[in-house]
Amino acid sequence: MKPAPFDYRAATDVADAVALLGEGAVHAKACGGSQSLGPMLNLRLAQVERLVDVSRLDALQAISLSDDRLRIGAAVTHARIEDGELPDATRGLLPFVAKGIAYRAVRNRGTLGGSLAHADPSADWVATMRLLDAELVLAGPGGERRVGAGNFFLGPFTTVLEADEIIVAVEVPIFSGRARWSYRKTCRKPGEFADAIAAVWLDAECGIARAVIGALDAMPHVIAGAEALGALRSPGAIGRALDAAGVEGDYEREVHAVMLRRALNDVLPA
């Protein structure tokens, strides 16, 4: 299959991208690496009148580090993160997650912002940014606005992103030297989307304790607070956490329970 005909435009800057997306009654979509949108267009599961390429915009390629945040341009590819082109603000978490996404050919083109905008509940970056409570910087006709990852995702494949907005950057917190993390997932074969994801972030110096159950029918389920994480070690607590996350089915519950238990064992004292 090939996509239905569309008008291709390469945006010159963020303002131009926003203008092209919001021009008249044209049904337009922004694209970065097109690793999700491209196949959907080819299969005609999605059709657009205009495709606005934002992959080459300098503002979306930039990476910067401040005192407490790492800002990653939305068009930064998984491969750049995997290869360590970013400052190691998360003590290896981001490169580890990037390395496990699909295949290298996909990672060479797929982008951080594109994955988040697509909002597949089984996507690694969706779970990771919920874990880190990352902040997304969006640009639209009224300028920039910031949205926390907890409010950005409305549901599977649904976000607060307006039709004439793009993700400019993602900002993640900097880990202290005492921070510990674990990211566990299982796939039926390498490169596929995960059957289950469990991630834990513990940073006592910053008073942070968070866990995420991902690869659900719904968006990732967050468990926050040191007391809540510690309670997961008590009998039956993981089962109750899976109930809260809406996990059903014997296989699904078992595989999610195993991933969460392993992630907790990685970071919590015995």
Protein backbone atom coordinates (compact mmCIF):
# COMPACT_ATOMS: atom_id res chain seq x y z
CA MET A 1 0.00 0.00 0.00
CA LYS A 2 1.01 3.59 -0.55
CA PRO A 3 -0.37 6.69 1.16
CA ALA A 4 -3.15 8.75 -0.31
CA PRO A 5 -1.82 11.92 -2.01
CA PHE A 6 -0.86 14.74 0.33
CA ASP A 7 0.96 18.07 0.26
CA TYR A 8 4.44 17.80 1.80
CA ARG A 9 5.94 20.88 3.47
CA ALA A 10 9.26 21.15 5.28
CA ALA A 11 8.90 23.77 8.01
CA THR A 12 11.64 26.41 8.21
CA ASP A 13 11.18 27.14 11.92
CA VAL A 14 8.73 26.53 14.76
CA ALA A 15 6.51 29.48 13.81
CA ASP A 16 6.34 28.26 10.22
CA ALA A 17 5.40 24.75 11.38
CA VAL A 18 2.59 26.11 13.54
CA ALA A 19 1.32 28.28 10.67
CA LEU A 20 1.35 25.38 8.21
CA LEU A 21 -0.54 23.14 10.65
CA GLY A 22 -3.20 25.74 11.35
CA GLU A 23 -3.67 27.09 7.84
CA GLY A 24 -7.35 27.23 6.84
CA ALA A 25 -9.35 24.02 6.93
CA VAL A 26 -6.44 21.84 5.79
CA HIS A 27 -6.12 18.53 7.67
CA ALA A 28 -2.44 18.59 8.53
CA LYS A 29 -0.10 16.52 10.70
CA ALA A 30 3.43 17.16 11.87
CA CYS A 31 6.02 14.45 11.31
CA GLY A 32 9.49 13.80 12.62
CA GLY A 33 11.00 10.38 11.94
CA SER A 34 7.66 8.99 10.68
CA GLN A 35 8.28 5.59 12.25
CA SER A 36 4.68 5.48 13.50
CA LEU A 37 2.84 7.87 11.22
CA GLY A 38 4.56 6.62 8.05
CA PRO A 39 3.26 3.03 8.26
CA MET A 40 -0.21 4.30 9.20
CA LEU A 41 -0.24 6.50 6.11
CA ASN A 42 1.01 3.66 3.91
CA LEU A 43 -1.75 1.37 5.18
CA ARG A 44 -4.23 4.24 4.89
CA LEU A 45 -5.15 3.87 8.52
CA ALA A 46 -4.46 7.61 8.59
CA GLN A 47 -4.90 10.14 5.80
CA VAL A 48 -3.82 13.77 5.73
CA GLU A 49 -4.02 16.62 3.27
CA ARG A 50 -0.71 18.07 4.41
CA LEU A 51 2.37 16.61 6.09
CA VAL A 52 4.57 19.16 7.89
CA ASP A 53 8.13 17.94 8.37
CA VAL A 54 9.67 19.31 11.58
CA SER A 55 12.60 16.90 11.81
CA ARG A 56 15.23 19.41 10.67
CA LEU A 57 14.29 22.34 12.90
CA ASP A 58 17.23 23.52 15.01
CA ALA A 59 14.98 24.27 17.98
CA LEU A 60 13.79 20.66 17.99
CA GLN A 61 17.33 19.25 17.71
CA ALA A 62 18.80 21.22 20.60
CA ILE A 63 19.96 19.70 23.88
CA SER A 64 20.74 21.81 26.94
CA LEU A 65 21.44 21.30 30.63
CA SER A 66 20.47 23.65 33.46
CA ASP A 67 20.89 23.35 37.22
CA ASP A 68 17.96 21.00 37.67
CA ARG A 69 16.62 20.05 34.22
CA LEU A 70 17.82 18.41 31.02
CA ARG A 71 16.02 19.82 27.97
CA ILE A 72 15.83 17.47 24.98
CA GLY A 73 14.58 18.70 21.62
CA ALA A 74 11.53 16.83 20.35
CA ALA A 75 13.27 15.82 17.12
CA VAL A 76 16.23 14.20 18.90
CA THR A 77 16.31 10.59 17.76
CA HIS A 78 16.34 7.49 19.93
CA ALA A 79 19.78 6.68 18.48
CA ARG A 80 21.29 9.98 19.66
CA ILE A 81 20.04 9.27 23.17
CA GLU A 82 21.29 5.67 22.97
CA ASP A 83 24.72 6.82 21.79
CA GLY A 84 25.19 9.13 24.75
CA GLU A 85 25.00 12.47 22.95
CA LEU A 86 23.05 13.85 25.92
CA PRO A 87 24.59 14.81 29.27
CA ASP A 88 24.12 11.88 31.64
CA ALA A 89 21.52 13.60 33.81
CA THR A 90 19.65 10.37 34.61
CA ARG A 91 22.62 8.15 35.50
CA GLY A 92 22.20 5.99 32.41
CA LEU A 93 18.41 5.58 32.41
CA LEU A 94 17.65 7.40 29.15
CA PRO A 95 20.35 5.60 27.07
CA PHE A 96 19.22 2.28 28.54
CA VAL A 97 15.61 2.87 27.58
CA ALA A 98 16.56 4.14 24.10
CA LYS A 99 18.68 1.06 23.38
CA GLY A 100 15.67 -1.20 23.95
CA ILE A 101 13.37 0.54 21.48
CA ALA A 102 12.58 -1.54 18.37
CA TYR A 103 15.59 -1.90 16.05
CA ARG A 104 18.56 0.33 15.25
CA ALA A 105 17.06 1.30 11.90
CA VAL A 106 13.98 2.57 13.72
CA ARG A 107 16.07 4.27 16.41
CA ASN A 108 18.07 6.10 13.73
CA ARG A 109 14.94 7.95 12.58
CA GLY A 110 12.36 7.72 15.35
CA THR A 111 12.18 10.76 17.63
CA LEU A 112 11.42 11.38 21.28
CA GLY A 113 8.71 13.93 20.52
CA GLY A 114 7.14 11.78 17.84
CA SER A 115 6.81 8.85 20.23
CA LEU A 116 5.17 11.01 22.89
CA ALA A 117 2.81 12.67 20.42
CA HIS A 118 1.77 9.23 19.12
CA ALA A 119 1.01 8.21 22.73
CA ASP A 120 1.05 4.46 22.30
CA PRO A 121 0.52 3.10 25.83
CA SER A 122 3.13 0.38 25.17
CA ALA A 123 5.83 2.85 24.09
CA ASP A 124 8.96 3.07 26.21
CA TRP A 125 9.16 6.86 26.25
CA VAL A 126 5.56 7.17 27.37
CA ALA A 127 6.26 5.03 30.44
CA THR A 128 9.61 6.70 31.08
CA MET A 129 8.30 10.25 30.96
CA ARG A 130 5.44 9.31 33.29
CA LEU A 131 8.02 7.83 35.65
CA LEU A 132 10.12 11.00 35.56
CA ASP A 133 7.12 13.33 35.67
CA ALA A 134 8.71 15.10 32.71
CA GLU A 135 7.49 18.43 31.38
CA LEU A 136 6.64 18.87 27.70
CA VAL A 137 7.09 22.21 25.97
CA LEU A 138 4.42 22.77 23.31
CA ALA A 139 4.31 25.55 20.72
CA GLY A 140 1.13 26.86 19.09
CA PRO A 141 -0.36 30.08 17.71
CA GLY A 142 -0.42 31.61 21.20
CA GLY A 143 3.23 30.81 21.91
CA GLU A 144 4.67 28.15 24.18
CA ARG A 145 2.97 26.30 27.00
CA ARG A 146 4.21 23.65 29.39
CA VAL A 147 2.35 20.48 30.28
CA GLY A 148 3.42 17.80 32.72
CA ALA A 149 3.53 14.24 31.40
CA GLY A 150 0.78 13.33 33.86
CA ASN A 151 -1.59 15.75 32.12
CA PHE A 152 -0.30 15.42 28.56
CA PHE A 153 -1.64 11.91 27.95
CA LEU A 154 -5.44 11.75 27.97
CA GLY A 155 -5.60 8.08 26.98
CA PRO A 156 -4.23 5.66 24.39
CA PHE A 157 -3.19 7.60 21.27
CA THR A 158 -4.82 10.73 22.72
CA THR A 159 -3.06 13.81 24.10
CA VAL A 160 -3.77 17.46 24.88
CA LEU A 161 -1.80 18.47 21.78
CA GLU A 162 -3.95 20.72 19.59
CA ALA A 163 -4.07 20.30 15.81
CA ASP A 164 -1.93 23.42 15.32
CA GLU A 165 0.62 22.65 18.06
CA ILE A 166 3.91 20.76 18.05
CA ILE A 167 6.10 19.41 20.82
CA VAL A 168 9.24 21.54 20.94
CA ALA A 169 11.12 19.87 23.78
CA VAL A 170 10.91 17.54 26.75
CA GLU A 171 12.46 18.48 30.10
CA VAL A 172 13.48 15.79 32.59
CA PRO A 173 14.86 16.23 36.13
CA ILE A 174 18.49 15.67 36.97
CA PHE A 175 19.22 12.70 39.21
CA SER A 176 21.32 13.13 42.32
CA GLY A 177 24.42 11.02 42.85
CA ARG A 178 22.41 8.73 45.15
CA ALA A 179 19.59 8.09 42.69
CA ARG A 180 18.77 4.51 41.73
CA TRP A 181 16.54 3.28 38.97
CA SER A 182 15.33 0.13 37.29
CA TYR A 183 13.61 -0.38 33.97
CA ARG A 184 12.23 -3.82 33.22
CA LYS A 185 10.20 -4.95 30.26
CA THR A 186 9.39 -8.15 28.46
CA CYS A 187 8.63 -8.69 24.78
CA ARG A 188 7.65 -11.83 22.91
CA LYS A 189 10.61 -11.21 20.62
CA PRO A 190 13.25 -8.45 20.36
CA GLY A 191 12.04 -5.26 18.74
CA GLU A 192 8.36 -5.72 19.49
CA PHE A 193 6.29 -3.56 21.79
CA ALA A 194 6.39 -4.77 25.37
CA ASP A 195 3.90 -7.10 26.99
CA ALA A 196 4.75 -5.49 30.31
CA ILE A 197 6.86 -2.59 31.57
CA ALA A 198 7.84 -1.80 35.14
CA ALA A 199 10.10 1.08 36.10
CA VAL A 200 11.20 2.43 39.47
CA TRP A 201 13.03 5.65 40.37
CA LEU A 202 14.31 6.16 43.89
CA ASP A 203 16.22 9.34 44.80
CA ALA A 204 16.34 9.77 48.59
CA GLU A 205 18.41 12.94 48.32
CA CYS A 206 15.59 14.64 46.40
CA GLY A 207 12.76 12.92 48.26
CA ILE A 208 11.59 11.06 45.16
CA ALA A 209 10.15 7.55 45.02
CA ARG A 210 8.11 6.60 41.96
CA ALA A 211 7.16 3.47 40.06
CA VAL A 212 5.30 2.95 36.81
CA ILE A 213 3.35 0.00 35.46
CA GLY A 214 3.34 0.33 31.67
CA ALA A 215 2.28 -1.45 28.49
CA LEU A 216 -1.35 -1.48 29.61
CA ASP A 217 -4.61 -1.07 27.73
CA ALA A 218 -4.69 2.36 29.38
CA MET A 219 -1.86 4.82 29.94
CA PRO A 220 0.92 3.93 32.42
CA HIS A 221 -0.12 3.70 36.07
CA VAL A 222 2.03 5.69 38.51
CA ILE A 223 2.75 4.73 42.11
CA ALA A 224 4.32 7.64 44.01
CA GLY A 225 5.87 8.01 47.45
CA ALA A 226 8.42 6.03 49.46
CA GLU A 227 5.69 4.60 51.66
CA ALA A 228 3.74 3.37 48.62
CA LEU A 229 6.83 1.75 47.13
CA GLY A 230 7.77 0.09 50.39
CA ALA A 231 4.23 -1.22 50.79
CA LEU A 232 4.57 -3.08 47.48
CA ARG A 233 6.79 -5.55 49.32
CA SER A 234 3.93 -6.64 51.58
CA PRO A 235 1.87 -9.74 50.65
CA GLY A 236 -0.83 -9.05 48.11
CA ALA A 237 0.27 -5.46 47.50
CA ILE A 238 1.43 -6.04 43.92
CA GLY A 239 -1.89 -7.68 43.12
CA ARG A 240 -3.71 -4.64 44.48
CA ALA A 241 -1.45 -2.36 42.44
CA LEU A 242 -2.33 -4.34 39.31
CA ASP A 243 -6.02 -4.00 40.20
CA ALA A 244 -5.57 -0.24 40.42
CA ALA A 245 -3.79 -0.28 37.06
CA GLY A 246 -6.65 -2.20 35.47
CA VAL A 247 -4.61 -5.30 34.61
CA GLU A 248 -6.82 -8.29 33.86
CA GLY A 249 -6.22 -11.84 32.66
CA ASP A 250 -4.02 -14.47 34.26
CA TYR A 251 -1.08 -14.11 31.86
CA GLU A 252 -1.18 -10.31 31.91
CA ARG A 253 -1.26 -10.16 35.70
CA GLU A 254 1.56 -12.66 36.07
CA VAL A 255 3.91 -10.98 33.60
CA HIS A 256 3.26 -7.50 35.01
CA ALA A 257 3.72 -8.81 38.57
CA VAL A 258 7.07 -10.39 37.67
CA MET A 259 8.37 -7.22 35.99
CA LEU A 260 7.29 -5.01 38.89
CA ARG A 261 8.75 -7.37 41.48
CA ARG A 262 12.09 -7.47 39.63
CA ALA A 263 12.20 -3.69 39.26
CA LEU A 264 11.52 -3.23 42.98
CA ASN A 265 14.21 -5.77 43.89
CA ASP A 266 16.69 -3.86 41.75
CA VAL A 267 16.42 -0.67 43.78
CA LEU A 268 14.86 -1.33 47.20
CA PRO A 269 16.88 -2.67 50.14
CA ALA A 270 16.37 -6.35 50.85
